[in-house]
PDB file of N, CA and C in Angstrom:
ATOM      1  N   MET A   1      11.661 -58.777 -39.378  1.00  0.00           N
ATOM      2  CA  MET A   1      11.309 -57.373 -39.303  1.00  0.00           C
ATOM      3  C   MET A   1      12.195 -56.708 -38.245  1.00  0.00           C
ATOM      4  N   THR A   2      12.780 -55.587 -38.589  1.00  0.00           N
ATOM      5  CA  THR A   2      13.599 -54.836 -37.642  1.00  0.00           C
ATOM      6  C   THR A   2      12.988 -53.466 -37.438  1.00  0.00           C
ATOM      7  N   MET A   3      13.217 -52.946 -36.259  1.00  0.00           N
ATOM      8  CA  MET A   3      12.686 -51.635 -35.932  1.00  0.00           C
ATOM      9  C   MET A   3      13.852 -50.739 -35.540  1.00  0.00           C
ATOM     10  N   ASN A   4      13.906 -49.579 -36.140  1.00  0.00           N
ATOM     11  CA  ASN A   4      14.922 -48.605 -35.788  1.00  0.00           C
ATOM     12  C   ASN A   4      14.375 -47.694 -34.720  1.00  0.00           C
ATOM     13  N   MET A   5      15.047 -47.648 -33.586  1.00  0.00           N
ATOM     14  CA  MET A   5      14.640 -46.759 -32.506  1.00  0.00           C
ATOM     15  C   MET A   5      15.859 -45.978 -32.050  1.00  0.00           C
ATOM     16  N   GLN A   6      15.638 -44.721 -31.805  1.00  0.00           N
ATOM     17  CA  GLN A   6      16.716 -43.873 -31.307  1.00  0.00           C
ATOM     18  C   GLN A   6      16.274 -43.298 -29.970  1.00  0.00           C
ATOM     19  N   LEU A   7      17.117 -43.435 -28.972  1.00  0.00           N
ATOM     20  CA  LEU A   7      16.789 -42.895 -27.658  1.00  0.00           C
ATOM     21  C   LEU A   7      17.055 -41.397 -27.640  1.00  0.00           C
ATOM     22  N   VAL A   8      16.111 -40.659 -27.096  1.00  0.00           N
ATOM     23  CA  VAL A   8      16.200 -39.207 -27.047  1.00  0.00           C
ATOM     24  C   VAL A   8      16.036 -38.780 -25.604  1.00  0.00           C
ATOM     25  N   SER A   9      16.812 -37.804 -25.203  1.00  0.00           N
ATOM     26  CA  SER A   9      16.668 -37.302 -23.838  1.00  0.00           C
ATOM     27  C   SER A   9      15.329 -36.582 -23.703  1.00  0.00           C
ATOM     28  N   PRO A  10      14.689 -36.660 -22.529  1.00  0.00           N
ATOM     29  CA  PRO A  10      13.399 -35.979 -22.350  1.00  0.00           C
ATOM     30  C   PRO A  10      13.477 -34.478 -22.589  1.00  0.00           C
ATOM     31  N   ALA A  11      14.572 -33.857 -22.192  1.00  0.00           N
ATOM     32  CA  ALA A  11      14.706 -32.413 -22.391  1.00  0.00           C
ATOM     33  C   ALA A  11      14.759 -32.070 -23.874  1.00  0.00           C
ATOM     34  N   ALA A  12      15.462 -32.885 -24.668  1.00  0.00           N
ATOM     35  CA  ALA A  12      15.539 -32.652 -26.108  1.00  0.00           C
ATOM     36  C   ALA A  12      14.172 -32.865 -26.754  1.00  0.00           C
ATOM     37  N   LEU A  13      13.426 -33.842 -26.272  1.00  0.00           N
ATOM     38  CA  LEU A  13      12.088 -34.107 -26.799  1.00  0.00           C
ATOM     39  C   LEU A  13      11.167 -32.918 -26.540  1.00  0.00           C
ATOM     40  N   VAL A  14      11.198 -32.397 -25.350  1.00  0.00           N
ATOM     41  CA  VAL A  14      10.349 -31.249 -25.017  1.00  0.00           C
ATOM     42  C   VAL A  14      10.727 -30.051 -25.877  1.00  0.00           C
ATOM     43  N   ALA A  15      12.018 -29.804 -26.044  1.00  0.00           N
ATOM     44  CA  ALA A  15      12.466 -28.676 -26.857  1.00  0.00           C
ATOM     45  C   ALA A  15      12.012 -28.835 -28.308  1.00  0.00           C
ATOM     46  N   ALA A  16      12.095 -30.053 -28.825  1.00  0.00           N
ATOM     47  CA  ALA A  16      11.676 -30.293 -30.205  1.00  0.00           C
ATOM     48  C   ALA A  16      10.171 -30.144 -30.353  1.00  0.00           C
ATOM     49  N   LEU A  17       9.411 -30.627 -29.382  1.00  0.00           N
ATOM     50  CA  LEU A  17       7.960 -30.533 -29.460  1.00  0.00           C
ATOM     51  C   LEU A  17       7.474 -29.095 -29.312  1.00  0.00           C
ATOM     52  N   ALA A  18       8.176 -28.323 -28.538  1.00  0.00           N
ATOM     53  CA  ALA A  18       7.756 -26.952 -28.300  1.00  0.00           C
ATOM     54  C   ALA A  18       7.915 -26.101 -29.555  1.00  0.00           C
ATOM     55  N   GLY A  19       8.886 -26.431 -30.392  1.00  0.00           N
ATOM     56  CA  GLY A  19       9.093 -25.678 -31.618  1.00  0.00           C
ATOM     57  C   GLY A  19       9.689 -24.310 -31.343  1.00  0.00           C
ATOM     58  N   PRO A  20       9.799 -23.503 -32.378  1.00  0.00           N
ATOM     59  CA  PRO A  20      10.451 -22.198 -32.229  1.00  0.00           C
ATOM     60  C   PRO A  20       9.687 -21.233 -31.334  1.00  0.00           C
ATOM     61  N   SER A  21       8.356 -21.367 -31.265  1.00  0.00           N
ATOM     62  CA  SER A  21       7.595 -20.437 -30.427  1.00  0.00           C
ATOM     63  C   SER A  21       7.639 -20.821 -28.964  1.00  0.00           C
ATOM     64  N   GLY A  22       8.130 -22.036 -28.657  1.00  0.00           N
ATOM     65  CA  GLY A  22       8.200 -22.488 -27.278  1.00  0.00           C
ATOM     66  C   GLY A  22       6.835 -22.751 -26.675  1.00  0.00           C
ATOM     67  N   GLY A  23       5.850 -22.958 -27.546  1.00  0.00           N
ATOM     68  CA  GLY A  23       4.503 -23.224 -27.040  1.00  0.00           C
ATOM     69  C   GLY A  23       3.813 -21.991 -26.514  1.00  0.00           C
ATOM     70  N   SER A  24       4.309 -20.801 -26.913  1.00  0.00           N
ATOM     71  CA  SER A  24       3.751 -19.565 -26.369  1.00  0.00           C
ATOM     72  C   SER A  24       2.757 -18.929 -27.334  1.00  0.00           C
ATOM     73  N   ASP A  25       2.124 -19.719 -28.191  1.00  0.00           N
ATOM     74  CA  ASP A  25       1.189 -19.150 -29.149  1.00  0.00           C
ATOM     75  C   ASP A  25      -0.132 -18.746 -28.503  1.00  0.00           C
ATOM     76  N   GLY A  26      -0.320 -19.045 -27.226  1.00  0.00           N
ATOM     77  CA  GLY A  26      -1.463 -18.549 -26.473  1.00  0.00           C
ATOM     78  C   GLY A  26      -2.737 -19.351 -26.604  1.00  0.00           C
ATOM     79  N   GLY A  27      -2.847 -20.215 -27.574  1.00  0.00           N
ATOM     80  CA  GLY A  27      -4.064 -20.987 -27.755  1.00  0.00           C
ATOM     81  C   GLY A  27      -4.056 -22.255 -26.944  1.00  0.00           C
ATOM     82  N   ARG A  28      -5.017 -23.108 -27.297  1.00  0.00           N
ATOM     83  CA  ARG A  28      -5.138 -24.399 -26.603  1.00  0.00           C
ATOM     84  C   ARG A  28      -3.876 -25.240 -26.776  1.00  0.00           C
ATOM     85  N   ALA A  29      -3.295 -25.199 -27.978  1.00  0.00           N
ATOM     86  CA  ALA A  29      -2.067 -25.958 -28.220  1.00  0.00           C
ATOM     87  C   ALA A  29      -0.942 -25.459 -27.316  1.00  0.00           C
ATOM     88  N   GLY A  30      -0.873 -24.141 -27.126  1.00  0.00           N
ATOM     89  CA  GLY A  30       0.152 -23.583 -26.244  1.00  0.00           C
ATOM     90  C   GLY A  30      -0.025 -24.048 -24.817  1.00  0.00           C
ATOM     91  N   MET A  31      -1.273 -24.123 -24.378  1.00  0.00           N
ATOM     92  CA  MET A  31      -1.545 -24.610 -23.024  1.00  0.00           C
ATOM     93  C   MET A  31      -1.145 -26.069 -22.892  1.00  0.00           C
ATOM     94  N   LEU A  32      -1.439 -26.851 -23.932  1.00  0.00           N
ATOM     95  CA  LEU A  32      -1.072 -28.269 -23.891  1.00  0.00           C
ATOM     96  C   LEU A  32       0.438 -28.442 -23.823  1.00  0.00           C
ATOM     97  N   TRP A  33       1.172 -27.662 -24.632  1.00  0.00           N
ATOM     98  CA  TRP A  33       2.635 -27.779 -24.620  1.00  0.00           C
ATOM     99  C   TRP A  33       3.206 -27.348 -23.284  1.00  0.00           C
ATOM    100  N   ARG A  34       2.669 -26.269 -22.719  1.00  0.00           N
ATOM    101  CA  ARG A  34       3.167 -25.824 -21.411  1.00  0.00           C
ATOM    102  C   ARG A  34       2.900 -26.886 -20.353  1.00  0.00           C
ATOM    103  N   GLY A  35       1.723 -27.506 -20.406  1.00  0.00           N
ATOM    104  CA  GLY A  35       1.414 -28.577 -19.467  1.00  0.00           C
ATOM    105  C   GLY A  35       2.327 -29.776 -19.646  1.00  0.00           C
ATOM    106  N   LEU A  36       2.589 -30.119 -20.906  1.00  0.00           N
ATOM    107  CA  LEU A  36       3.484 -31.240 -21.185  1.00  0.00           C
ATOM    108  C   LEU A  36       4.895 -30.941 -20.699  1.00  0.00           C
ATOM    109  N   ARG A  37       5.368 -29.724 -20.981  1.00  0.00           N
ATOM    110  CA  ARG A  37       6.718 -29.355 -20.530  1.00  0.00           C
ATOM    111  C   ARG A  37       6.804 -29.382 -19.010  1.00  0.00           C
ATOM    112  N   ALA A  38       5.768 -28.897 -18.332  1.00  0.00           N
ATOM    113  CA  ALA A  38       5.779 -28.899 -16.866  1.00  0.00           C
ATOM    114  C   ALA A  38       5.794 -30.327 -16.338  1.00  0.00           C
ATOM    115  N   ARG A  39       5.003 -31.205 -16.951  1.00  0.00           N
ATOM    116  CA  ARG A  39       4.935 -32.605 -16.494  1.00  0.00           C
ATOM    117  C   ARG A  39       6.249 -33.334 -16.725  1.00  0.00           C
ATOM    118  N   VAL A  40       6.849 -33.109 -17.903  1.00  0.00           N
ATOM    119  CA  VAL A  40       8.139 -33.746 -18.187  1.00  0.00           C
ATOM    120  C   VAL A  40       9.211 -33.186 -17.254  1.00  0.00           C
ATOM    121  N   GLY A  41       9.168 -31.884 -17.017  1.00  0.00           N
ATOM    122  CA  GLY A  41      10.121 -31.282 -16.085  1.00  0.00           C
ATOM    123  C   GLY A  41       9.970 -31.847 -14.686  1.00  0.00           C
ATOM    124  N   GLU A  42       8.721 -32.062 -14.270  1.00  0.00           N
ATOM    125  CA  GLU A  42       8.481 -32.667 -12.961  1.00  0.00           C
ATOM    126  C   GLU A  42       9.039 -34.085 -12.905  1.00  0.00           C
ATOM    127  N   GLU A  43       8.840 -34.840 -13.964  1.00  0.00           N
ATOM    128  CA  GLU A  43       9.326 -36.220 -13.988  1.00  0.00           C
ATOM    129  C   GLU A  43      10.853 -36.271 -13.955  1.00  0.00           C
ATOM    130  N   ILE A  44      11.488 -35.370 -14.672  1.00  0.00           N
ATOM    131  CA  ILE A  44      12.957 -35.305 -14.658  1.00  0.00           C
ATOM    132  C   ILE A  44      13.445 -34.958 -13.262  1.00  0.00           C
ATOM    133  N   SER A  45      12.799 -33.975 -12.629  1.00  0.00           N
ATOM    134  CA  SER A  45      13.178 -33.584 -11.276  1.00  0.00           C
ATOM    135  C   SER A  45      12.965 -34.733 -10.293  1.00  0.00           C
ATOM    136  N   TYR A  46      11.848 -35.465 -10.459  1.00  0.00           N
ATOM    137  CA  TYR A  46      11.563 -36.611  -9.594  1.00  0.00           C
ATOM    138  C   TYR A  46      12.658 -37.666  -9.704  1.00  0.00           C
ATOM    139  N   ARG A  47      13.031 -38.001 -10.922  1.00  0.00           N
ATOM    140  CA  ARG A  47      14.043 -39.047 -11.112  1.00  0.00           C
ATOM    141  C   ARG A  47      15.405 -38.633 -10.572  1.00  0.00           C
ATOM    142  N   ARG A  48      15.749 -37.363 -10.757  1.00  0.00           N
ATOM    143  CA  ARG A  48      17.029 -36.873 -10.218  1.00  0.00           C
ATOM    144  C   ARG A  48      17.017 -36.903  -8.693  1.00  0.00           C
ATOM    145  N   SER A  49      15.909 -36.462  -8.115  1.00  0.00           N
ATOM    146  CA  SER A  49      15.789 -36.447  -6.652  1.00  0.00           C
ATOM    147  C   SER A  49      15.841 -37.857  -6.090  1.00  0.00           C
ATOM    148  N   LEU A  50      15.114 -38.766  -6.710  1.00  0.00           N
ATOM    149  CA  LEU A  50      15.091 -40.150  -6.238  1.00  0.00           C
ATOM    150  C   LEU A  50      16.475 -40.782  -6.346  1.00  0.00           C
ATOM    151  N   ARG A  51      17.168 -40.506  -7.437  1.00  0.00           N
ATOM    152  CA  ARG A  51      18.525 -41.039  -7.610  1.00  0.00           C
ATOM    153  C   ARG A  51      19.445 -40.521  -6.506  1.00  0.00           C
ATOM    154  N   ALA A  52      19.335 -39.223  -6.193  1.00  0.00           N
ATOM    155  CA  ALA A  52      20.181 -38.644  -5.136  1.00  0.00           C
ATOM    156  C   ALA A  52      19.832 -39.240  -3.773  1.00  0.00           C
ATOM    157  N   LEU A  53      18.551 -39.403  -3.500  1.00  0.00           N
ATOM    158  CA  LEU A  53      18.148 -39.976  -2.214  1.00  0.00           C
ATOM    159  C   LEU A  53      18.590 -41.434  -2.085  1.00  0.00           C
ATOM    160  N   ARG A  54      18.547 -42.179  -3.160  1.00  0.00           N
ATOM    161  CA  ARG A  54      18.954 -43.582  -3.117  1.00  0.00           C
ATOM    162  C   ARG A  54      20.457 -43.745  -2.891  1.00  0.00           C
ATOM    163  N   ARG A  55      21.209 -42.686  -3.124  1.00  0.00           N
ATOM    164  CA  ARG A  55      22.651 -42.747  -2.866  1.00  0.00           C
ATOM    165  C   ARG A  55      22.981 -42.677  -1.376  1.00  0.00           C
ATOM    166  N   LEU A  56      22.015 -42.230  -0.566  1.00  0.00           N
ATOM    167  CA  LEU A  56      22.247 -42.161   0.871  1.00  0.00           C
ATOM    168  C   LEU A  56      22.363 -43.570   1.437  1.00  0.00           C
ATOM    169  N   ASP A  57      23.284 -43.739   2.367  1.00  0.00           N
ATOM    170  CA  ASP A  57      23.398 -45.071   2.975  1.00  0.00           C
ATOM    171  C   ASP A  57      22.400 -45.185   4.129  1.00  0.00           C
ATOM    172  N   ASP A  58      22.295 -46.374   4.657  1.00  0.00           N
ATOM    173  CA  ASP A  58      21.301 -46.643   5.701  1.00  0.00           C
ATOM    174  C   ASP A  58      21.513 -45.802   6.954  1.00  0.00           C
ATOM    175  N   ARG A  59      22.763 -45.521   7.262  1.00  0.00           N
ATOM    176  CA  ARG A  59      23.049 -44.701   8.452  1.00  0.00           C
ATOM    177  C   ARG A  59      22.527 -43.271   8.256  1.00  0.00           C
ATOM    178  N   ASP A  60      22.756 -42.711   7.074  1.00  0.00           N
ATOM    179  CA  ASP A  60      22.244 -41.365   6.793  1.00  0.00           C
ATOM    180  C   ASP A  60      20.718 -41.338   6.845  1.00  0.00           C
ATOM    181  N   LEU A  61      20.085 -42.340   6.252  1.00  0.00           N
ATOM    182  CA  LEU A  61      18.626 -42.408   6.281  1.00  0.00           C
ATOM    183  C   LEU A  61      18.105 -42.529   7.707  1.00  0.00           C
ATOM    184  N   ASP A  62      18.800 -43.308   8.518  1.00  0.00           N
ATOM    185  CA  ASP A  62      18.397 -43.459   9.914  1.00  0.00           C
ATOM    186  C   ASP A  62      18.544 -42.136  10.659  1.00  0.00           C
ATOM    187  N   ASP A  63      19.617 -41.390  10.384  1.00  0.00           N
ATOM    188  CA  ASP A  63      19.804 -40.075  11.007  1.00  0.00           C
ATOM    189  C   ASP A  63      18.669 -39.116  10.642  1.00  0.00           C
ATOM    190  N   LEU A  64      18.147 -39.252   9.424  1.00  0.00           N
ATOM    191  CA  LEU A  64      17.059 -38.401   8.960  1.00  0.00           C
ATOM    192  C   LEU A  64      15.683 -38.958   9.323  1.00  0.00           C
ATOM    193  N   ASN A  65      15.681 -40.106  10.015  1.00  0.00           N
ATOM    194  CA  ASN A  65      14.453 -40.784  10.401  1.00  0.00           C
ATOM    195  C   ASN A  65      13.599 -41.145   9.179  1.00  0.00           C
ATOM    196  N   LEU A  66      14.290 -41.661   8.138  1.00  0.00           N
ATOM    197  CA  LEU A  66      13.632 -42.076   6.903  1.00  0.00           C
ATOM    198  C   LEU A  66      13.927 -43.531   6.621  1.00  0.00           C
ATOM    199  N   GLY A  67      13.002 -44.183   5.962  1.00  0.00           N
ATOM    200  CA  GLY A  67      13.225 -45.530   5.472  1.00  0.00           C
ATOM    201  C   GLY A  67      13.293 -45.487   3.955  1.00  0.00           C
ATOM    202  N   ARG A  68      13.794 -46.531   3.350  1.00  0.00           N
ATOM    203  CA  ARG A  68      13.887 -46.569   1.885  1.00  0.00           C
ATOM    204  C   ARG A  68      12.513 -46.469   1.230  1.00  0.00           C
ATOM    205  N   GLY A  69      11.482 -46.928   1.904  1.00  0.00           N
ATOM    206  CA  GLY A  69      10.129 -46.835   1.370  1.00  0.00           C
ATOM    207  C   GLY A  69       9.582 -45.419   1.318  1.00  0.00           C
ATOM    208  N   ASP A  70      10.193 -44.520   2.089  1.00  0.00           N
ATOM    209  CA  ASP A  70       9.763 -43.121   2.094  1.00  0.00           C
ATOM    210  C   ASP A  70      10.322 -42.324   0.922  1.00  0.00           C
ATOM    211  N   LEU A  71      11.346 -42.847   0.263  1.00  0.00           N
ATOM    212  CA  LEU A  71      12.066 -42.069  -0.735  1.00  0.00           C
ATOM    213  C   LEU A  71      11.238 -41.675  -1.954  1.00  0.00           C
ATOM    214  N   PRO A  72      10.456 -42.582  -2.563  1.00  0.00           N
ATOM    215  CA  PRO A  72       9.682 -42.151  -3.734  1.00  0.00           C
ATOM    216  C   PRO A  72       8.695 -41.015  -3.433  1.00  0.00           C
ATOM    217  N   GLY A  73       8.006 -41.083  -2.309  1.00  0.00           N
ATOM    218  CA  GLY A  73       7.071 -40.022  -1.954  1.00  0.00           C
ATOM    219  C   GLY A  73       7.776 -38.705  -1.681  1.00  0.00           C
ATOM    220  N   LEU A  74       8.901 -38.773  -1.031  1.00  0.00           N
ATOM    221  CA  LEU A  74       9.683 -37.575  -0.747  1.00  0.00           C
ATOM    222  C   LEU A  74      10.204 -36.945  -2.040  1.00  0.00           C
ATOM    223  N   ALA A  75      10.690 -37.773  -2.951  1.00  0.00           N
ATOM    224  CA  ALA A  75      11.191 -37.272  -4.236  1.00  0.00           C
ATOM    225  C   ALA A  75      10.058 -36.655  -5.051  1.00  0.00           C
ATOM    226  N   ARG A  76       8.874 -37.278  -5.040  1.00  0.00           N
ATOM    227  CA  ARG A  76       7.734 -36.749  -5.797  1.00  0.00           C
ATOM    228  C   ARG A  76       7.300 -35.401  -5.226  1.00  0.00           C
ATOM    229  N   ARG A  77       7.251 -35.295  -3.906  1.00  0.00           N
ATOM    230  CA  ARG A  77       6.870 -34.034  -3.273  1.00  0.00           C
ATOM    231  C   ARG A  77       7.859 -32.926  -3.645  1.00  0.00           C
ATOM    232  N   HIS A  78       9.139 -33.257  -3.628  1.00  0.00           N
ATOM    233  CA  HIS A  78      10.159 -32.280  -3.998  1.00  0.00           C
ATOM    234  C   HIS A  78       9.987 -31.842  -5.456  1.00  0.00           C
ATOM    235  N   ALA A  79       9.731 -32.808  -6.347  1.00  0.00           N
ATOM    236  CA  ALA A  79       9.589 -32.499  -7.770  1.00  0.00           C
ATOM    237  C   ALA A  79       8.389 -31.581  -8.004  1.00  0.00           C
ATOM    238  N   ARG A  80       7.275 -31.842  -7.321  1.00  0.00           N
ATOM    239  CA  ARG A  80       6.086 -30.996  -7.495  1.00  0.00           C
ATOM    240  C   ARG A  80       6.332 -29.582  -6.989  1.00  0.00           C
ATOM    241  N   GLU A  81       7.037 -29.478  -5.877  1.00  0.00           N
ATOM    242  CA  GLU A  81       7.343 -28.136  -5.342  1.00  0.00           C
ATOM    243  C   GLU A  81       8.324 -27.413  -6.245  1.00  0.00           C
ATOM    244  N   ALA A  82       9.229 -28.161  -6.861  1.00  0.00           N
ATOM    245  CA  ALA A  82      10.228 -27.543  -7.726  1.00  0.00           C
ATOM    246  C   ALA A  82       9.606 -26.920  -8.970  1.00  0.00           C
ATOM    247  N   VAL A  83       8.502 -27.469  -9.460  1.00  0.00           N
ATOM    248  CA  VAL A  83       7.855 -26.900 -10.639  1.00  0.00           C
ATOM    249  C   VAL A  83       6.637 -26.061 -10.268  1.00  0.00           C
ATOM    250  N   GLY A  84       6.442 -25.836  -8.971  1.00  0.00           N
ATOM    251  CA  GLY A  84       5.373 -24.958  -8.528  1.00  0.00           C
ATOM    252  C   GLY A  84       3.996 -25.580  -8.508  1.00  0.00           C
ATOM    253  N   ARG A  85       3.920 -26.885  -8.291  1.00  0.00           N
ATOM    254  CA  ARG A  85       2.626 -27.570  -8.265  1.00  0.00           C
ATOM    255  C   ARG A  85       2.274 -28.077  -6.881  1.00  0.00           C
ATOM    256  N   ALA A  86       2.845 -27.545  -5.863  1.00  0.00           N
ATOM    257  CA  ALA A  86       2.606 -28.068  -4.506  1.00  0.00           C
ATOM    258  C   ALA A  86       1.171 -27.930  -4.071  1.00  0.00           C
TER     259      ALA A  86
END
């Protein structure tokens, strides 16, 4: 048995799920799509932020008084603020 799977970017998935109305139909479905888009947007922002923070070397992190263990929480906080969920 073989399974065909195609990888899709999260942004393309959100755009496809939103449809032509962009989830702005005003009903419960529209609220769900807006929530989904916000959550996916937050996750994308989190991953980008974490990737950028992980590129810092140990000397830079020490200058900022940060440890590698602080990076996921810092990236998550940034992502939530970026989508207005602080």
